[in-house]
């Protein structure tokens, strides 16, 4: 079924797609940012420095750090005026070309997102809870592929790391966006735990930057703080879930619709989809440390 990557060719590659370096407001130079992930089991990284005039509109070139076992993706966190609350937009672009043109003063957030998507990027609605993005603002970003539903740095900064509410609202409005998580690491001494806390597991046939971006845009990934989702499959009006040992598994859908499964060391479970017919569901896996893994929304029409 569309939206379920688990039986597709290839394997899962672990990566972070939102982080910063000294090219903008991060505290470490790009080489050290790459090492912070490459040397701790990650397969890929996107350094997404703030694409602002005061930083010289950087697309941080990390191609020199690519190896046979680790790759990088070029990208940036894009900004334009303005939200309903007067704040500038924060839009993630992963897979941007190195010559992506600077943002002109009169370019709006939706226009900037559309330009990034046309340039081949995976476009994410970055940390909506952090700056109180409204549903009207989110709906206007028609070029977006995905919502950043968990951000470790904003969780540390203002306790607004969880943005699943925006993904669910957009789903209820019929917008079929995926959902990703990220560190948004800046390596600030004030936030010493802002890296290697939330990542995507992307299903691809090879560790190639273009294939990773293609898989992100196709929704061939799940997100995690630690647990693994081995399989999510539709079987006779049920969803069958296989995962690393969990204390709870949630199947969640429109409005209040949900079906939890509780236990000790859950690795397999089946849940009826009767309550979700004609709409969507998503899966959350929680381990005994409270860490979560999330599937993308899966539509049942």
Protein backbone atom coordinates (compact mmCIF):
# COMPACT_ATOMS: atom_id res chain seq x y z
CA UNK A 1 0.00 0.00 0.00
CA UNK A 2 1.20 3.50 -0.76
CA UNK A 3 2.83 5.05 2.30
CA UNK A 4 4.35 1.82 3.62
CA UNK A 5 8.05 1.55 2.78
CA UNK A 6 8.92 -1.55 4.77
CA UNK A 7 8.86 -4.09 1.95
CA UNK A 8 10.41 -1.85 -0.70
CA UNK A 9 13.83 -2.68 -2.16
CA UNK A 10 16.93 -1.63 -0.30
CA UNK A 11 17.35 -0.99 3.40
CA UNK A 12 16.86 1.73 6.00
CA UNK A 13 19.52 4.43 6.32
CA UNK A 14 19.70 6.55 9.46
CA UNK A 15 20.06 10.32 9.10
CA UNK A 16 19.42 13.79 10.47
CA UNK A 17 18.03 16.34 8.01
CA UNK A 18 17.99 19.54 10.09
CA UNK A 19 21.11 20.91 11.79
CA UNK A 20 23.34 23.99 11.81
CA UNK A 21 27.01 24.93 11.68
CA UNK A 22 29.13 28.06 12.02
CA UNK A 23 28.00 29.00 8.52
CA UNK A 24 24.97 30.43 10.35
CA UNK A 25 24.20 30.25 14.09
CA UNK A 26 25.65 26.83 14.95
CA UNK A 27 28.65 26.55 17.27
CA UNK A 28 30.70 23.95 15.36
CA UNK A 29 32.26 24.16 11.88
CA UNK A 30 30.81 21.85 9.22
CA UNK A 31 33.59 19.24 9.56
CA UNK A 32 32.90 18.80 13.28
CA UNK A 33 29.14 18.70 12.74
CA UNK A 34 29.61 15.92 10.19
CA UNK A 35 31.88 14.02 12.58
CA UNK A 36 29.30 14.30 15.38
CA UNK A 37 26.97 12.16 13.28
CA UNK A 38 29.25 10.12 11.01
CA UNK A 39 31.29 8.81 13.94
CA UNK A 40 28.20 7.74 15.89
CA UNK A 41 26.49 5.36 13.48
CA UNK A 42 24.63 7.74 11.17
CA UNK A 43 24.53 7.07 7.43
CA UNK A 44 23.77 10.59 6.21
CA UNK A 45 23.40 14.20 7.31
CA UNK A 46 22.01 17.44 5.94
CA UNK A 47 23.50 20.63 7.35
CA UNK A 48 20.73 23.18 6.86
CA UNK A 49 22.15 26.55 7.83
CA UNK A 50 19.88 29.56 8.00
CA UNK A 51 19.47 30.95 4.49
CA UNK A 52 19.53 34.60 5.50
CA UNK A 53 21.29 37.67 4.14
CA UNK A 54 23.24 38.24 7.36
CA UNK A 55 24.91 34.84 6.89
CA UNK A 56 25.45 35.30 3.15
CA UNK A 57 22.58 32.98 2.11
CA UNK A 58 24.65 29.81 2.69
CA UNK A 59 24.10 26.44 1.07
CA UNK A 60 26.76 24.69 3.13
CA UNK A 61 28.76 22.43 0.83
CA UNK A 62 29.48 19.16 2.63
CA UNK A 63 30.18 17.06 -0.46
CA UNK A 64 33.85 16.66 0.49
CA UNK A 65 32.80 14.57 3.51
CA UNK A 66 31.02 11.88 1.47
CA UNK A 67 32.42 8.36 1.61
CA UNK A 68 31.24 4.90 0.58
CA UNK A 69 29.58 4.46 4.00
CA UNK A 70 28.40 8.01 4.76
CA UNK A 71 26.87 10.73 2.64
CA UNK A 72 25.68 14.28 2.95
CA UNK A 73 22.79 16.21 1.42
CA UNK A 74 22.90 19.93 0.68
CA UNK A 75 20.13 22.01 2.15
CA UNK A 76 19.13 25.06 4.14
CA UNK A 77 16.55 26.45 6.53
CA UNK A 78 14.73 29.04 4.42
CA UNK A 79 13.13 32.25 5.66
CA UNK A 80 10.66 34.79 4.30
CA UNK A 81 8.07 37.13 5.79
CA UNK A 82 5.68 36.47 7.35
CA UNK A 83 3.29 34.40 9.43
CA UNK A 84 0.00 35.64 10.85
CA UNK A 85 1.84 36.38 14.11
CA UNK A 86 4.46 38.47 12.32
CA UNK A 87 7.29 35.92 12.58
CA UNK A 88 9.40 34.96 9.58
CA UNK A 89 8.77 31.58 7.99
CA UNK A 90 11.07 28.64 8.83
CA UNK A 91 11.01 26.19 5.91
CA UNK A 92 13.35 23.24 5.55
CA UNK A 93 14.78 22.53 2.11
CA UNK A 94 16.75 19.27 1.80
CA UNK A 95 18.35 18.54 -1.55
CA UNK A 96 18.83 22.12 -2.73
CA UNK A 97 21.30 22.90 -5.53
CA UNK A 98 24.48 24.72 -4.43
CA UNK A 99 23.51 27.75 -6.54
CA UNK A 100 20.01 28.15 -5.09
CA UNK A 101 19.32 31.87 -5.50
CA UNK A 102 19.09 34.22 -2.49
CA UNK A 103 15.66 35.13 -1.21
CA UNK A 104 14.46 38.44 -2.68
CA UNK A 105 12.82 40.88 -0.23
CA UNK A 106 9.36 40.48 -1.76
CA UNK A 107 9.30 36.64 -1.85
CA UNK A 108 6.67 35.08 0.42
CA UNK A 109 6.99 31.84 2.36
CA UNK A 110 4.72 29.88 -0.01
CA UNK A 111 6.63 31.25 -3.02
CA UNK A 112 9.97 30.35 -1.46
CA UNK A 113 8.77 26.82 -0.65
CA UNK A 114 7.51 26.38 -4.21
CA UNK A 115 10.86 27.57 -5.60
CA UNK A 116 12.72 25.08 -3.38
CA UNK A 117 10.44 22.24 -4.44
CA UNK A 118 10.89 23.18 -8.11
CA UNK A 119 14.65 23.03 -7.55
CA UNK A 120 14.28 19.40 -6.46
CA UNK A 121 14.22 19.77 -2.67
CA UNK A 122 12.25 17.90 -0.05
CA UNK A 123 10.32 20.72 1.67
CA UNK A 124 9.42 20.54 5.35
CA UNK A 125 7.31 22.76 7.59
CA UNK A 126 9.90 23.30 10.30
CA UNK A 127 9.02 23.14 14.04
CA UNK A 128 5.50 24.65 13.78
CA UNK A 129 4.81 24.44 17.52
CA UNK A 130 7.99 26.38 18.34
CA UNK A 131 6.64 29.62 16.89
CA UNK A 132 2.88 28.98 16.99
CA UNK A 133 2.30 28.39 13.31
CA UNK A 134 -1.43 28.52 12.54
CA UNK A 135 -3.31 26.01 10.43
CA UNK A 136 -4.06 28.80 7.94
CA UNK A 137 -0.34 29.46 7.53
CA UNK A 138 0.41 25.77 7.15
CA UNK A 139 -2.33 25.29 4.54
CA UNK A 140 -0.86 28.13 2.48
CA UNK A 141 2.43 26.21 2.09
CA UNK A 142 1.14 24.12 -0.78
CA UNK A 143 4.60 22.96 -1.91
CA UNK A 144 5.43 21.28 1.41
CA UNK A 145 6.05 17.55 1.46
CA UNK A 146 6.18 17.03 5.21
CA UNK A 147 5.71 18.41 8.73
CA UNK A 148 8.51 18.44 11.29
CA UNK A 149 6.59 16.71 14.09
CA UNK A 150 9.37 16.54 16.66
CA UNK A 151 12.37 18.84 17.10
CA UNK A 152 14.83 18.16 19.93
CA UNK A 153 16.24 21.68 20.11
CA UNK A 154 12.84 23.35 20.43
CA UNK A 155 11.92 20.81 23.10
CA UNK A 156 14.95 22.01 25.04
CA UNK A 157 14.47 25.69 24.23
CA UNK A 158 10.78 26.33 24.98
CA UNK A 159 9.18 22.92 25.60
CA UNK A 160 7.53 22.97 22.19
CA UNK A 161 9.23 20.06 20.54
CA UNK A 162 6.09 18.11 19.62
CA UNK A 163 4.20 19.30 16.52
CA UNK A 164 2.09 16.25 15.75
CA UNK A 165 -0.98 18.43 16.26
CA UNK A 166 -0.16 20.23 13.00
CA UNK A 167 0.27 17.01 11.05
CA UNK A 168 -3.07 15.71 12.32
CA UNK A 169 -4.85 18.99 11.58
CA UNK A 170 -3.48 19.05 8.04
CA UNK A 171 -4.57 15.43 7.57
CA UNK A 172 -8.08 16.35 8.70
CA UNK A 173 -8.08 19.13 6.10
CA UNK A 174 -7.20 16.54 3.46
CA UNK A 175 -3.54 17.50 3.06
CA UNK A 176 -1.55 14.30 2.67
CA UNK A 177 1.81 15.29 4.07
CA UNK A 178 4.35 13.00 5.67
CA UNK A 179 5.93 13.59 9.09
CA UNK A 180 9.62 13.71 10.01
CA UNK A 181 11.67 14.43 13.13
CA UNK A 182 15.03 16.13 13.56
CA UNK A 183 17.60 17.39 16.03
CA UNK A 184 17.91 20.95 14.71
CA UNK A 185 21.26 20.76 16.50
CA UNK A 186 23.21 23.97 17.09
CA UNK A 187 25.75 22.42 19.53
CA UNK A 188 25.25 25.25 21.98
CA UNK A 189 26.64 24.78 25.52
CA UNK A 190 23.26 26.01 26.75
CA UNK A 191 21.61 22.98 25.11
CA UNK A 192 24.17 20.18 25.52
CA UNK A 193 21.82 17.36 24.46
CA UNK A 194 20.60 18.72 21.12
CA UNK A 195 22.21 16.15 18.80
CA UNK A 196 21.61 12.47 17.98
CA UNK A 197 18.21 12.53 19.69
CA UNK A 198 15.73 12.26 16.80
CA UNK A 199 16.30 10.93 13.29
CA UNK A 200 14.72 9.52 10.16
CA UNK A 201 15.14 5.99 8.86
CA UNK A 202 14.94 6.28 5.09
CA UNK A 203 14.37 3.27 2.85
CA UNK A 204 16.52 3.39 -0.29
CA UNK A 205 18.38 1.02 -2.56
CA UNK A 206 21.68 2.82 -2.13
CA UNK A 207 23.31 5.47 0.05
CA UNK A 208 23.14 8.14 -2.62
CA UNK A 209 22.07 11.75 -1.85
CA UNK A 210 19.63 11.88 -4.76
CA UNK A 211 18.07 8.55 -3.81
CA UNK A 212 17.71 9.63 -0.18
CA UNK A 213 15.94 12.86 -1.22
CA UNK A 214 13.76 10.91 -3.63
CA UNK A 215 12.77 8.51 -0.84
CA UNK A 216 12.02 11.40 1.53
CA UNK A 217 9.70 12.96 -1.04
CA UNK A 218 8.02 9.59 -1.63
CA UNK A 219 7.45 9.08 2.12
CA UNK A 220 9.67 6.00 2.26
CA UNK A 221 10.80 6.55 5.84
CA UNK A 222 9.82 6.45 9.47
CA UNK A 223 11.02 8.59 12.38
CA UNK A 224 12.51 7.64 15.72
CA UNK A 225 14.02 8.64 19.05
CA UNK A 226 15.28 5.08 19.54
CA UNK A 227 12.70 2.33 18.85
CA UNK A 228 12.62 0.52 15.52
CA UNK A 229 9.57 -0.13 13.36
CA UNK A 230 10.31 -3.29 11.43
CA UNK A 231 7.04 -3.54 9.53
CA UNK A 232 3.60 -1.97 9.17
CA UNK A 233 1.34 -4.00 6.87
CA UNK A 234 -2.37 -4.07 6.01
CA UNK A 235 -3.91 -7.53 6.39
CA UNK A 236 -7.65 -8.17 6.08
CA UNK A 237 -8.79 -4.80 7.49
CA UNK A 238 -6.18 -4.95 10.22
CA UNK A 239 -2.80 -3.31 10.57
CA UNK A 240 -0.01 -5.65 11.62
CA UNK A 241 2.91 -3.97 13.37
CA UNK A 242 6.34 -5.42 14.06
CA UNK A 243 8.80 -3.42 16.16
CA UNK A 244 11.60 -3.49 18.70
CA UNK A 245 10.39 -4.27 22.26
CA UNK A 246 7.76 -1.73 23.32
CA UNK A 247 5.53 -1.00 26.28
CA UNK A 248 2.80 0.54 24.13
CA UNK A 249 1.82 0.80 20.48
CA UNK A 250 -0.74 3.36 19.32
CA UNK A 251 -2.73 3.41 16.12
CA UNK A 252 -4.02 6.97 15.85
CA UNK A 253 -6.29 8.62 13.29
CA UNK A 254 -8.71 11.45 12.68
CA UNK A 255 -10.02 13.45 15.64
CA UNK A 256 -10.12 11.24 18.75
CA UNK A 257 -9.88 7.92 16.90
CA UNK A 258 -7.18 5.68 18.36
CA UNK A 259 -6.50 2.12 19.40
CA UNK A 260 -3.71 1.48 21.93
CA UNK A 261 -1.98 -1.80 22.70
CA UNK A 262 -0.24 -2.07 26.08
CA UNK A 263 2.13 -4.69 27.43
CA UNK A 264 5.71 -5.60 28.25
CA UNK A 265 8.14 -6.29 25.44
CA UNK A 266 5.60 -5.98 22.63
CA UNK A 267 7.22 -6.90 19.33
CA UNK A 268 4.17 -7.81 17.23
CA UNK A 269 0.52 -6.76 17.36
CA UNK A 270 -2.59 -6.47 15.18
CA UNK A 271 -5.19 -3.71 15.36
CA UNK A 272 -8.54 -3.50 13.55
CA UNK A 273 -8.80 -0.63 11.09
CA UNK A 274 -12.58 -0.42 11.29
CA UNK A 275 -12.48 2.92 13.13
CA UNK A 276 -10.12 4.41 10.54
CA UNK A 277 -11.84 3.38 7.28
CA UNK A 278 -12.08 6.17 4.75
CA UNK A 279 -9.48 8.28 6.52
CA UNK A 280 -5.94 7.66 7.77
CA UNK A 281 -3.95 6.16 10.60
CA UNK A 282 -0.44 6.50 11.94
CA UNK A 283 1.56 4.27 14.29
CA UNK A 284 3.50 5.26 17.42
CA UNK A 285 5.80 2.81 19.20
CA UNK A 286 6.94 3.63 22.76
CA UNK A 287 9.73 1.78 24.55
CA UNK A 288 10.28 1.37 28.30
CA UNK A 289 12.41 4.52 28.41
CA UNK A 290 9.57 6.60 26.94
CA UNK A 291 11.30 7.02 23.59
CA UNK A 292 9.09 6.95 20.50
CA UNK A 293 9.10 5.92 16.87
CA UNK A 294 6.46 7.10 14.43
CA UNK A 295 5.21 5.99 11.04
CA UNK A 296 3.98 8.43 8.44
CA UNK A 297 0.22 8.86 8.07
CA UNK A 298 -1.23 6.05 5.96
CA UNK A 299 -4.40 6.75 3.97
CA UNK A 300 -7.07 4.07 3.63
CA UNK A 301 -9.11 5.14 0.61
